[in-house]
Amino acid sequence: MSGQLDRLFAEYSLLDSSERGGDEGVRRSLRYFRVERCLIDDPHALDRVSDRTTAWVRMVRTVHGFTVHHGRLPKSYGRSRQVREKAEESRLAEWLRYQRRPGVQARLSDYQVRRLECVEGYSWDPAGERWDDHLFTYLAFVKAHERKPRYRSDDREEQRLAGWAAKQRHLLKRGLLSHAKAMEFQRAISL
């Protein structure tokens, strides 16, 4: 297990042993923790149980196992021919995407949130993090070269950065960037 997951289990083991009722949120979190602990002790202990808690814990454990085995999060293969070949991986990726939905995320218990965060590479906003990474790389390029990236460059990375910046300018003109991203991007291109 990862250190983060070990800490989560240790914290909830302590909470479970000292729990004196607690509020509804604590009780819900402990329910998920207890199911996971039961499945760790005996993976087949709850084979005949089909409640939401057990199903959720089984899925997060399956996703976690996938990331450990493959060294990456599962990918969704959409409607391509690979879907049939990669159906299980796509199912896991879709489940993760569902967990990120704001309405779903708001209903997750503390344990569920923290358990998802124990999955290597998991992010609540992967697209936002990719955008931030692109902006950081763009700014680093501008600082290192004292100019903006050029699309007609021989360097593929510079071309990619120039293309990304052009797309962001287009989105900015159409009003399709969030206010925060628009402000960050405008600051970056004014350098």
Protein backbone atom coordinates (compact mmCIF):
# COMPACT_ATOMS: atom_id res chain seq x y z
CA MET A 1 0.00 0.00 0.00
CA SER A 2 1.05 3.57 -0.52
CA GLY A 3 2.02 5.75 2.40
CA GLN A 4 -1.02 7.94 1.84
CA LEU A 5 -3.32 4.93 1.93
CA ASP A 6 -1.59 3.55 5.03
CA ARG A 7 -2.15 6.89 6.78
CA LEU A 8 -5.81 6.93 5.76
CA PHE A 9 -6.34 3.39 7.10
CA ALA A 10 -4.47 4.20 10.32
CA GLU A 11 -6.55 7.33 10.89
CA TYR A 12 -9.83 5.53 10.25
CA SER A 13 -8.79 2.53 12.36
CA LEU A 14 -8.25 4.90 15.26
CA LEU A 15 -11.51 6.70 14.56
CA ASP A 16 -13.34 3.36 14.32
CA SER A 17 -11.99 2.15 17.65
CA SER A 18 -12.86 5.41 19.43
CA GLU A 19 -16.11 6.19 17.61
CA ARG A 20 -18.91 7.17 19.96
CA GLY A 21 -21.71 7.66 17.47
CA GLY A 22 -20.35 10.73 15.71
CA ASP A 23 -22.24 12.77 13.18
CA GLU A 24 -23.78 11.31 10.05
CA GLY A 25 -20.72 12.17 7.93
CA VAL A 26 -18.41 10.26 10.26
CA ARG A 27 -20.76 7.27 10.37
CA ARG A 28 -20.95 7.21 6.55
CA SER A 29 -17.18 7.40 6.22
CA LEU A 30 -16.75 4.60 8.74
CA ARG A 31 -19.21 2.44 6.81
CA TYR A 32 -16.98 2.70 3.70
CA PHE A 33 -13.84 2.12 5.74
CA ARG A 34 -15.30 -0.98 7.42
CA VAL A 35 -16.34 -2.49 4.11
CA GLU A 36 -12.87 -1.91 2.67
CA ARG A 37 -11.20 -3.37 5.73
CA CYS A 38 -13.47 -6.41 5.46
CA LEU A 39 -12.53 -6.86 1.78
CA ILE A 40 -8.84 -6.56 2.64
CA ASP A 41 -9.17 -9.27 5.28
CA ASP A 42 -11.21 -11.55 2.99
CA PRO A 43 -11.79 -10.50 -0.64
CA HIS A 44 -14.76 -12.88 -0.89
CA ALA A 45 -16.40 -11.98 2.42
CA LEU A 46 -19.01 -9.76 0.80
CA ASP A 47 -19.54 -11.64 -2.46
CA ARG A 48 -23.27 -11.93 -1.83
CA VAL A 49 -23.65 -8.30 -0.77
CA SER A 50 -24.73 -5.85 -3.47
CA ASP A 51 -25.27 -2.55 -1.69
CA ARG A 52 -23.89 0.78 -2.94
CA THR A 53 -21.20 0.98 -0.30
CA THR A 54 -19.74 -2.40 -1.18
CA ALA A 55 -19.99 -1.70 -4.92
CA TRP A 56 -18.19 1.64 -4.52
CA VAL A 57 -15.40 0.12 -2.43
CA ARG A 58 -14.95 -2.71 -4.93
CA MET A 59 -14.65 -0.19 -7.77
CA VAL A 60 -12.13 2.04 -6.03
CA ARG A 61 -10.07 -1.03 -5.13
CA THR A 62 -10.24 -2.23 -8.75
CA VAL A 63 -9.14 1.18 -10.04
CA HIS A 64 -6.35 1.29 -7.47
CA GLY A 65 -5.20 -2.18 -8.51
CA PHE A 66 -5.26 -1.15 -12.16
CA THR A 67 -3.04 1.88 -11.50
CA VAL A 68 -0.58 -0.20 -9.48
CA HIS A 69 -0.41 -2.88 -12.19
CA HIS A 70 -0.26 -0.55 -15.23
CA GLY A 71 1.45 2.48 -13.68
CA ARG A 72 -1.29 4.82 -14.92
CA LEU A 73 -4.95 5.62 -14.54
CA PRO A 74 -7.41 3.76 -16.78
CA LYS A 75 -8.30 5.41 -20.09
CA SER A 76 -11.62 5.63 -21.84
CA TYR A 77 -11.55 4.37 -25.41
CA GLY A 78 -14.84 5.92 -26.48
CA ARG A 79 -16.63 4.23 -29.35
CA SER A 80 -13.61 2.95 -31.22
CA ARG A 81 -12.95 -0.67 -32.13
CA GLN A 82 -10.70 -0.85 -29.09
CA VAL A 83 -13.73 -0.50 -26.82
CA ARG A 84 -14.47 -4.19 -27.09
CA GLU A 85 -10.84 -5.02 -26.32
CA LYS A 86 -10.54 -2.44 -23.55
CA ALA A 87 -14.09 -2.53 -22.18
CA GLU A 88 -13.05 -3.07 -18.56
CA GLU A 89 -10.49 -0.27 -18.65
CA SER A 90 -13.03 2.08 -20.24
CA ARG A 91 -15.56 1.14 -17.57
CA LEU A 92 -13.06 2.07 -14.85
CA ALA A 93 -12.23 5.36 -16.56
CA GLU A 94 -15.92 6.23 -16.87
CA TRP A 95 -16.45 5.43 -13.20
CA LEU A 96 -13.63 7.83 -12.26
CA ARG A 97 -15.10 10.50 -14.52
CA TYR A 98 -18.46 10.03 -12.80
CA GLN A 99 -16.86 10.48 -9.35
CA ARG A 100 -15.53 13.88 -10.47
CA ARG A 101 -18.95 15.24 -11.38
CA PRO A 102 -19.76 18.12 -9.02
CA GLY A 103 -23.10 16.68 -7.90
CA VAL A 104 -21.56 13.29 -7.20
CA GLN A 105 -18.44 14.72 -5.59
CA ALA A 106 -20.59 16.78 -3.21
CA ARG A 107 -22.29 13.59 -1.96
CA LEU A 108 -19.08 11.64 -1.30
CA SER A 109 -18.09 11.05 2.31
CA ASP A 110 -14.74 12.22 3.62
CA TYR A 111 -13.43 8.66 3.41
CA GLN A 112 -14.50 8.32 -0.22
CA VAL A 113 -12.85 11.60 -1.20
CA ARG A 114 -9.63 10.75 0.55
CA ARG A 115 -9.68 7.16 -0.73
CA LEU A 116 -9.92 8.39 -4.32
CA GLU A 117 -7.03 10.75 -3.65
CA CYS A 118 -4.94 7.72 -2.62
CA VAL A 119 -5.15 6.38 -6.18
CA GLU A 120 -1.87 7.31 -7.88
CA GLY A 121 -2.43 10.03 -10.47
CA TYR A 122 -6.04 10.76 -9.48
CA SER A 123 -7.12 14.36 -9.87
CA TRP A 124 -10.43 16.07 -9.30
CA ASP A 125 -9.80 18.35 -12.30
CA PRO A 126 -7.42 16.69 -14.77
CA ALA A 127 -8.32 19.05 -17.62
CA GLY A 128 -7.66 22.06 -15.38
CA GLU A 129 -4.34 20.62 -14.29
CA ARG A 130 -3.32 19.97 -17.91
CA TRP A 131 -4.24 23.59 -18.74
CA ASP A 132 -2.12 24.82 -15.83
CA ASP A 133 0.77 22.63 -17.02
CA HIS A 134 0.51 24.08 -20.53
CA LEU A 135 0.46 27.62 -19.16
CA PHE A 136 3.48 26.90 -16.95
CA THR A 137 5.39 25.43 -19.93
CA TYR A 138 4.39 28.43 -22.07
CA LEU A 139 5.64 30.87 -19.44
CA ALA A 140 8.87 28.91 -18.99
CA PHE A 141 9.46 29.06 -22.75
CA VAL A 142 8.86 32.83 -22.84
CA LYS A 143 11.23 33.33 -19.91
CA ALA A 144 13.96 31.09 -21.35
CA HIS A 145 13.79 32.46 -24.93
CA GLU A 146 12.59 36.01 -24.19
CA ARG A 147 9.93 35.63 -26.89
CA LYS A 148 6.67 33.83 -27.53
CA PRO A 149 6.72 30.40 -29.19
CA ARG A 150 6.44 30.37 -32.98
CA TYR A 151 4.26 27.94 -34.88
CA ARG A 152 6.69 27.87 -37.84
CA SER A 153 9.60 26.79 -35.69
CA ASP A 154 11.52 23.60 -36.47
CA ASP A 155 11.12 22.55 -32.82
CA ARG A 156 8.00 20.39 -32.34
CA GLU A 157 7.60 21.45 -28.69
CA GLU A 158 7.69 25.13 -29.67
CA GLN A 159 5.10 24.45 -32.40
CA ARG A 160 2.88 22.69 -29.86
CA LEU A 161 3.12 25.61 -27.44
CA ALA A 162 2.35 28.11 -30.20
CA GLY A 163 -0.66 26.02 -31.23
CA TRP A 164 -1.88 25.82 -27.65
CA ALA A 165 -1.56 29.61 -27.27
CA ALA A 166 -3.43 30.19 -30.56
CA LYS A 167 -6.26 27.95 -29.36
CA GLN A 168 -6.44 29.82 -26.05
CA ARG A 169 -6.59 33.18 -27.88
CA HIS A 170 -9.44 31.82 -30.00
CA LEU A 171 -11.31 30.59 -26.91
CA LEU A 172 -10.67 33.93 -25.20
CA LYS A 173 -12.14 35.88 -28.14
CA ARG A 174 -15.23 33.67 -28.15
CA GLY A 175 -15.65 34.04 -24.37
CA LEU A 176 -15.17 30.30 -23.80
CA LEU A 177 -12.39 30.49 -21.18
CA SER A 178 -13.38 30.72 -17.55
CA HIS A 179 -12.80 34.12 -15.99
CA ALA A 180 -9.82 32.83 -13.99
CA LYS A 181 -8.19 31.17 -17.01
CA ALA A 182 -8.85 34.22 -19.17
CA MET A 183 -7.12 36.45 -16.63
CA GLU A 184 -4.13 34.08 -16.31
CA PHE A 185 -3.79 33.69 -20.06
CA GLN A 186 -4.04 37.42 -20.73
CA ARG A 187 -1.34 38.05 -18.15
CA ALA A 188 0.85 35.38 -19.76
CA ILE A 189 0.53 36.69 -23.32
CA SER A 190 1.17 40.26 -22.25
CA LEU A 191 4.66 39.38 -20.98
